[in-house]
Protein backbone atom coordinates (compact mmCIF):
# COMPACT_ATOMS: atom_id res chain seq x y z
CA UNK A 1 0.00 0.00 0.00
CA UNK A 2 1.57 3.32 -1.07
CA UNK A 3 1.59 6.39 1.17
CA UNK A 4 -1.28 8.17 -0.62
CA UNK A 5 -3.58 5.15 -0.35
CA UNK A 6 -2.63 4.69 3.31
CA UNK A 7 -3.45 8.33 4.17
CA UNK A 8 -6.74 8.14 2.30
CA UNK A 9 -7.64 4.99 4.24
CA UNK A 10 -6.82 6.66 7.58
CA UNK A 11 -8.90 9.75 6.72
CA UNK A 12 -11.91 7.64 5.72
CA UNK A 13 -11.57 5.49 8.85
CA UNK A 14 -11.60 8.53 11.16
CA UNK A 15 -14.55 10.03 9.29
CA UNK A 16 -16.58 6.83 9.67
CA UNK A 17 -15.84 6.68 13.40
CA UNK A 18 -16.82 10.32 14.04
CA UNK A 19 -19.86 10.49 11.79
CA UNK A 20 -22.32 8.90 14.29
CA UNK A 21 -21.32 11.46 16.93
CA UNK A 22 -22.03 14.29 14.54
CA UNK A 23 -25.32 12.94 13.23
CA UNK A 24 -26.94 12.47 16.65
CA UNK A 25 -25.84 15.73 18.33
CA UNK A 26 -27.98 18.89 18.68
CA UNK A 27 -26.98 22.53 18.17
CA UNK A 28 -27.60 25.30 20.68
CA UNK A 29 -27.01 27.97 18.00
CA UNK A 30 -28.53 26.50 14.82
CA UNK A 31 -27.70 28.27 11.56
CA UNK A 32 -30.28 29.25 9.00
CA UNK A 33 -31.30 26.76 6.35
CA UNK A 34 -29.69 28.43 3.30
CA UNK A 35 -27.84 31.50 2.03
CA UNK A 36 -24.63 33.35 2.88
CA UNK A 37 -24.16 33.05 6.63
CA UNK A 38 -20.55 33.09 7.83
CA UNK A 39 -17.53 35.25 7.17
CA UNK A 40 -14.22 34.55 8.84
CA UNK A 41 -10.47 34.59 8.78
CA UNK A 42 -8.31 31.53 9.35
CA UNK A 43 -4.62 30.89 9.67
CA UNK A 44 -2.18 28.45 11.14
CA UNK A 45 1.02 26.51 10.83
CA UNK A 46 1.77 23.72 8.38
CA UNK A 47 4.50 21.09 8.21
CA UNK A 48 5.54 20.54 4.60
CA UNK A 49 7.94 18.18 2.86
CA UNK A 50 8.48 16.21 -0.33
CA UNK A 51 10.10 12.97 -1.49
CA UNK A 52 12.57 13.79 -4.25
CA UNK A 53 14.07 11.22 -6.67
CA UNK A 54 17.38 13.07 -6.93
CA UNK A 55 18.13 14.16 -3.36
CA UNK A 56 17.98 11.21 -0.93
CA UNK A 57 17.35 13.21 2.27
CA UNK A 58 14.22 15.36 2.57
CA UNK A 59 13.58 17.41 5.73
CA UNK A 60 10.17 18.94 6.38
CA UNK A 61 9.86 22.64 7.20
CA UNK A 62 7.46 24.83 9.15
CA UNK A 63 5.34 27.19 7.06
CA UNK A 64 2.01 28.96 7.51
CA UNK A 65 -1.22 29.94 5.78
CA UNK A 66 -3.56 32.89 6.33
CA UNK A 67 -6.65 34.27 4.63
CA UNK A 68 -10.39 35.06 4.63
CA UNK A 69 -13.27 32.76 3.81
CA UNK A 70 -17.04 32.80 3.33
CA UNK A 71 -19.67 30.12 3.95
CA UNK A 72 -22.77 29.51 1.91
CA UNK A 73 -25.31 27.49 3.88
CA UNK A 74 -26.70 24.54 1.94
CA UNK A 75 -28.61 23.06 4.88
CA UNK A 76 -28.72 23.27 8.68
CA UNK A 77 -25.53 21.22 8.95
CA UNK A 78 -23.70 21.55 5.59
CA UNK A 79 -21.81 24.61 4.32
CA UNK A 80 -20.11 25.35 1.03
CA UNK A 81 -16.93 27.32 1.82
CA UNK A 82 -14.81 29.44 -0.49
CA UNK A 83 -11.56 31.04 0.63
CA UNK A 84 -8.29 32.63 -0.44
CA UNK A 85 -5.07 31.95 1.49
CA UNK A 86 -1.52 33.21 1.42
CA UNK A 87 0.24 29.84 1.58
CA UNK A 88 3.90 29.51 2.64
CA UNK A 89 5.57 26.08 2.40
CA UNK A 90 9.13 25.19 3.42
CA UNK A 91 11.39 22.14 3.13
CA UNK A 92 15.04 21.21 2.59
CA UNK A 93 16.89 18.57 0.57
CA UNK A 94 20.32 17.06 1.24
CA UNK A 95 22.67 14.88 -0.76
CA UNK A 96 25.90 13.93 0.98
CA UNK A 97 27.94 11.46 -1.09
CA UNK A 98 30.90 9.86 0.78
CA UNK A 99 32.69 9.32 -2.51
CA UNK A 100 32.67 10.58 -6.09
CA UNK A 101 32.24 8.29 -9.07
CA UNK A 102 33.95 9.39 -12.28
CA UNK A 103 32.00 7.94 -15.18
CA UNK A 104 34.76 8.62 -17.74
CA UNK A 105 37.42 6.59 -15.95
CA UNK A 106 35.10 4.27 -13.98
CA UNK A 107 36.95 5.41 -10.85
CA UNK A 108 35.52 5.55 -7.31
CA UNK A 109 37.14 8.48 -5.53
CA UNK A 110 36.67 7.14 -2.01
CA UNK A 111 38.66 9.90 -0.29
CA UNK A 112 36.62 12.72 -1.90
CA UNK A 113 33.02 13.74 -1.25
CA UNK A 114 30.11 16.02 -2.15
CA UNK A 115 27.95 17.85 0.41
CA UNK A 116 24.79 19.52 -0.98
CA UNK A 117 21.92 21.19 0.84
CA UNK A 118 18.99 23.05 -0.71
CA UNK A 119 16.53 25.05 1.43
CA UNK A 120 13.23 26.17 -0.12
CA UNK A 121 10.60 28.70 0.91
CA UNK A 122 7.69 28.75 -1.54
CA UNK A 123 4.77 31.18 -1.55
CA UNK A 124 1.42 30.45 -3.19
CA UNK A 125 -2.00 32.00 -3.42
CA UNK A 126 -4.25 29.05 -2.59
CA UNK A 127 -7.94 28.97 -3.48
CA UNK A 128 -9.80 26.24 -1.53
CA UNK A 129 -13.34 25.05 -2.16
CA UNK A 130 -14.76 23.05 0.75
CA UNK A 131 -17.77 21.16 1.99
CA UNK A 132 -18.14 21.43 5.77
CA UNK A 133 -20.39 19.22 7.88
CA UNK A 134 -21.00 20.66 11.35
CA UNK A 135 -23.23 19.69 14.25
CA UNK A 136 -22.89 19.67 17.99
CA UNK A 137 -24.21 20.03 21.53
CA UNK A 138 -24.40 23.32 23.39
CA UNK A 139 -21.72 25.79 22.42
CA UNK A 140 -19.36 23.15 21.03
CA UNK A 141 -19.62 21.60 17.58
CA UNK A 142 -17.54 18.97 15.87
CA UNK A 143 -17.15 19.27 12.13
CA UNK A 144 -15.66 17.52 9.10
CA UNK A 145 -14.23 19.48 6.21
CA UNK A 146 -13.25 18.16 2.79
CA UNK A 147 -11.34 20.62 0.63
CA UNK A 148 -10.23 20.69 -2.99
CA UNK A 149 -7.62 23.41 -3.53
CA UNK A 150 -5.75 25.04 -6.39
CA UNK A 151 -2.52 26.94 -5.66
CA UNK A 152 -0.85 29.55 -7.89
CA UNK A 153 2.87 30.15 -7.40
CA UNK A 154 3.84 33.68 -6.35
CA UNK A 155 7.57 33.19 -5.83
CA UNK A 156 10.13 30.82 -4.39
CA UNK A 157 13.41 31.31 -2.58
CA UNK A 158 16.25 28.79 -2.62
CA UNK A 159 19.34 28.89 -0.41
CA UNK A 160 21.94 26.39 0.76
CA UNK A 161 25.37 25.20 -0.34
CA UNK A 162 27.13 22.86 -2.77
CA UNK A 163 30.52 21.76 -1.42
CA UNK A 164 32.93 19.49 -3.25
CA UNK A 165 36.15 18.09 -1.76
CA UNK A 166 38.84 16.55 -4.00
CA UNK A 167 41.60 14.64 -2.19
CA UNK A 168 45.26 14.47 -3.22
CA UNK A 169 45.05 10.75 -3.96
CA UNK A 170 41.89 10.99 -6.06
CA UNK A 171 42.68 14.13 -8.09
CA UNK A 172 44.85 12.43 -10.77
CA UNK A 173 42.13 9.87 -11.53
CA UNK A 174 39.01 12.00 -12.00
CA UNK A 175 37.92 14.53 -14.60
CA UNK A 176 38.18 17.96 -12.97
CA UNK A 177 37.61 20.00 -16.13
CA UNK A 178 34.00 20.75 -15.16
CA UNK A 179 34.96 22.27 -11.80
CA UNK A 180 35.11 26.09 -12.19
CA UNK A 181 38.50 27.63 -11.34
CA UNK A 182 39.98 24.27 -10.40
CA UNK A 183 43.56 24.69 -9.16
CA UNK A 184 44.33 21.42 -7.42
CA UNK A 185 43.00 19.23 -4.61
CA UNK A 186 40.97 20.89 -1.89
CA UNK A 187 37.49 22.08 -0.92
CA UNK A 188 35.40 23.97 -3.48
CA UNK A 189 32.22 25.93 -2.74
CA UNK A 190 30.27 25.62 -5.96
CA UNK A 191 27.16 27.53 -6.95
CA UNK A 192 24.01 25.58 -5.99
CA UNK A 193 21.91 24.28 -8.85
CA UNK A 194 18.75 26.38 -9.00
CA UNK A 195 15.55 24.30 -9.05
CA UNK A 196 12.45 25.70 -10.75
CA UNK A 197 9.12 25.22 -8.95
CA UNK A 198 5.94 24.29 -10.80
CA UNK A 199 3.66 27.27 -11.41
CA UNK A 200 0.66 25.60 -9.73
CA UNK A 201 -0.41 22.87 -7.35
CA UNK A 202 -3.62 20.89 -7.00
CA UNK A 203 -4.66 18.72 -4.08
CA UNK A 204 -7.20 17.55 -1.53
CA UNK A 205 -7.29 18.31 2.20
CA UNK A 206 -9.33 16.80 5.03
CA UNK A 207 -9.86 18.37 8.45
CA UNK A 208 -11.53 17.23 11.66
CA UNK A 209 -12.05 20.12 14.03
CA UNK A 210 -13.98 21.72 16.82
CA UNK A 211 -15.93 25.00 16.89
CA UNK A 212 -16.69 26.87 20.09
CA UNK A 213 -19.47 29.48 19.99
CA UNK A 214 -18.40 32.46 22.12
CA UNK A 215 -21.67 34.24 21.25
CA UNK A 216 -24.39 33.48 18.68
CA UNK A 217 -22.42 35.66 16.24
CA UNK A 218 -18.76 34.84 17.09
CA UNK A 219 -17.14 31.40 17.03
CA UNK A 220 -13.57 30.13 17.30
CA UNK A 221 -12.40 27.04 15.43
CA UNK A 222 -9.40 24.71 15.80
CA UNK A 223 -8.78 22.07 13.13
CA UNK A 224 -5.89 19.73 12.38
CA UNK A 225 -5.76 18.30 8.88
CA UNK A 226 -3.82 16.42 6.25
CA UNK A 227 -3.32 17.07 2.52
CA UNK A 228 -2.72 14.86 -0.50
CA UNK A 229 -0.98 16.68 -3.38
CA UNK A 230 -1.58 15.63 -6.99
CA UNK A 231 0.81 17.94 -8.87
CA UNK A 232 4.54 17.75 -9.48
CA UNK A 233 6.52 20.09 -7.23
CA UNK A 234 9.12 20.78 -9.91
CA UNK A 235 8.77 22.42 -13.30
CA UNK A 236 10.83 19.56 -14.76
CA UNK A 237 8.35 16.73 -15.56
CA UNK A 238 11.13 14.11 -15.46
CA UNK A 239 11.97 14.97 -11.85
CA UNK A 240 8.59 13.86 -10.53
CA UNK A 241 7.84 14.60 -6.88
CA UNK A 242 4.69 15.68 -5.03
CA UNK A 243 4.01 16.97 -1.54
CA UNK A 244 4.45 13.89 0.67
CA UNK A 245 4.01 15.85 3.91
CA UNK A 246 1.45 18.63 4.26
CA UNK A 247 -0.03 18.67 7.76
CA UNK A 248 -1.92 21.71 9.05
CA UNK A 249 -3.22 23.07 12.33
CA UNK A 250 -5.62 25.92 11.62
CA UNK A 251 -7.26 28.44 13.93
CA UNK A 252 -10.27 30.33 12.58
CA UNK A 253 -12.50 33.15 13.82
CA UNK A 254 -16.04 32.98 12.45
CA UNK A 255 -18.57 35.80 12.28
CA UNK A 256 -22.15 34.59 11.74
CA UNK A 257 -24.43 37.02 9.90
CA UNK A 258 -28.12 37.11 9.12
CA UNK A 259 -29.03 38.37 5.66
């Protein structure tokens, strides 16, 4: 079972277990049966990471998302939610090779090494479309949210290093013509290879959260969730990699209106 199928199975399992609790609870502050009802702002932290076919070590990073949303009430317990988020995702990749293989001479330079690290901070505008099921007892409501999102790349920042060490014993046996300003064995700080990020991302998110009604008009929401990404992270289609880690904890403030 691959990781995407496993996460989908876990999400469905949790939904099935919580659904009876939601169906048989009663609301103290029921919402109206249809129409625009809720405006709010939500934001939180997100842990993001990828599995890359080129770089063997992938470290997740801590990003954030923030933006407004609006609910359209389809029934007393189901909302259609549209939103717009500023979406920051971070991760790093590492590739530390304990030796260098020279393909021209078929030589393993065991006393030389490469040490590469690439740190990424990527900013998107993300447009989510969600269905939210919500029901509860008293001032507290449990809810389930399923979200399909489309993200548009704003910009990306890459930092890090690309170090290459050539030993005295290995230098005569490897092709050093491709090393800029090579002047003998030693440590070289090369320019990192710049990776281009795909211009968009598409995926599905699922949240299970709780809403506390401070007043009939004001509510506060806390919701952890998980995301499955469908799009390639990189612009290069050959270097195929999607978001393998995208976990969120979101806090939202809801204002209920009557139109």
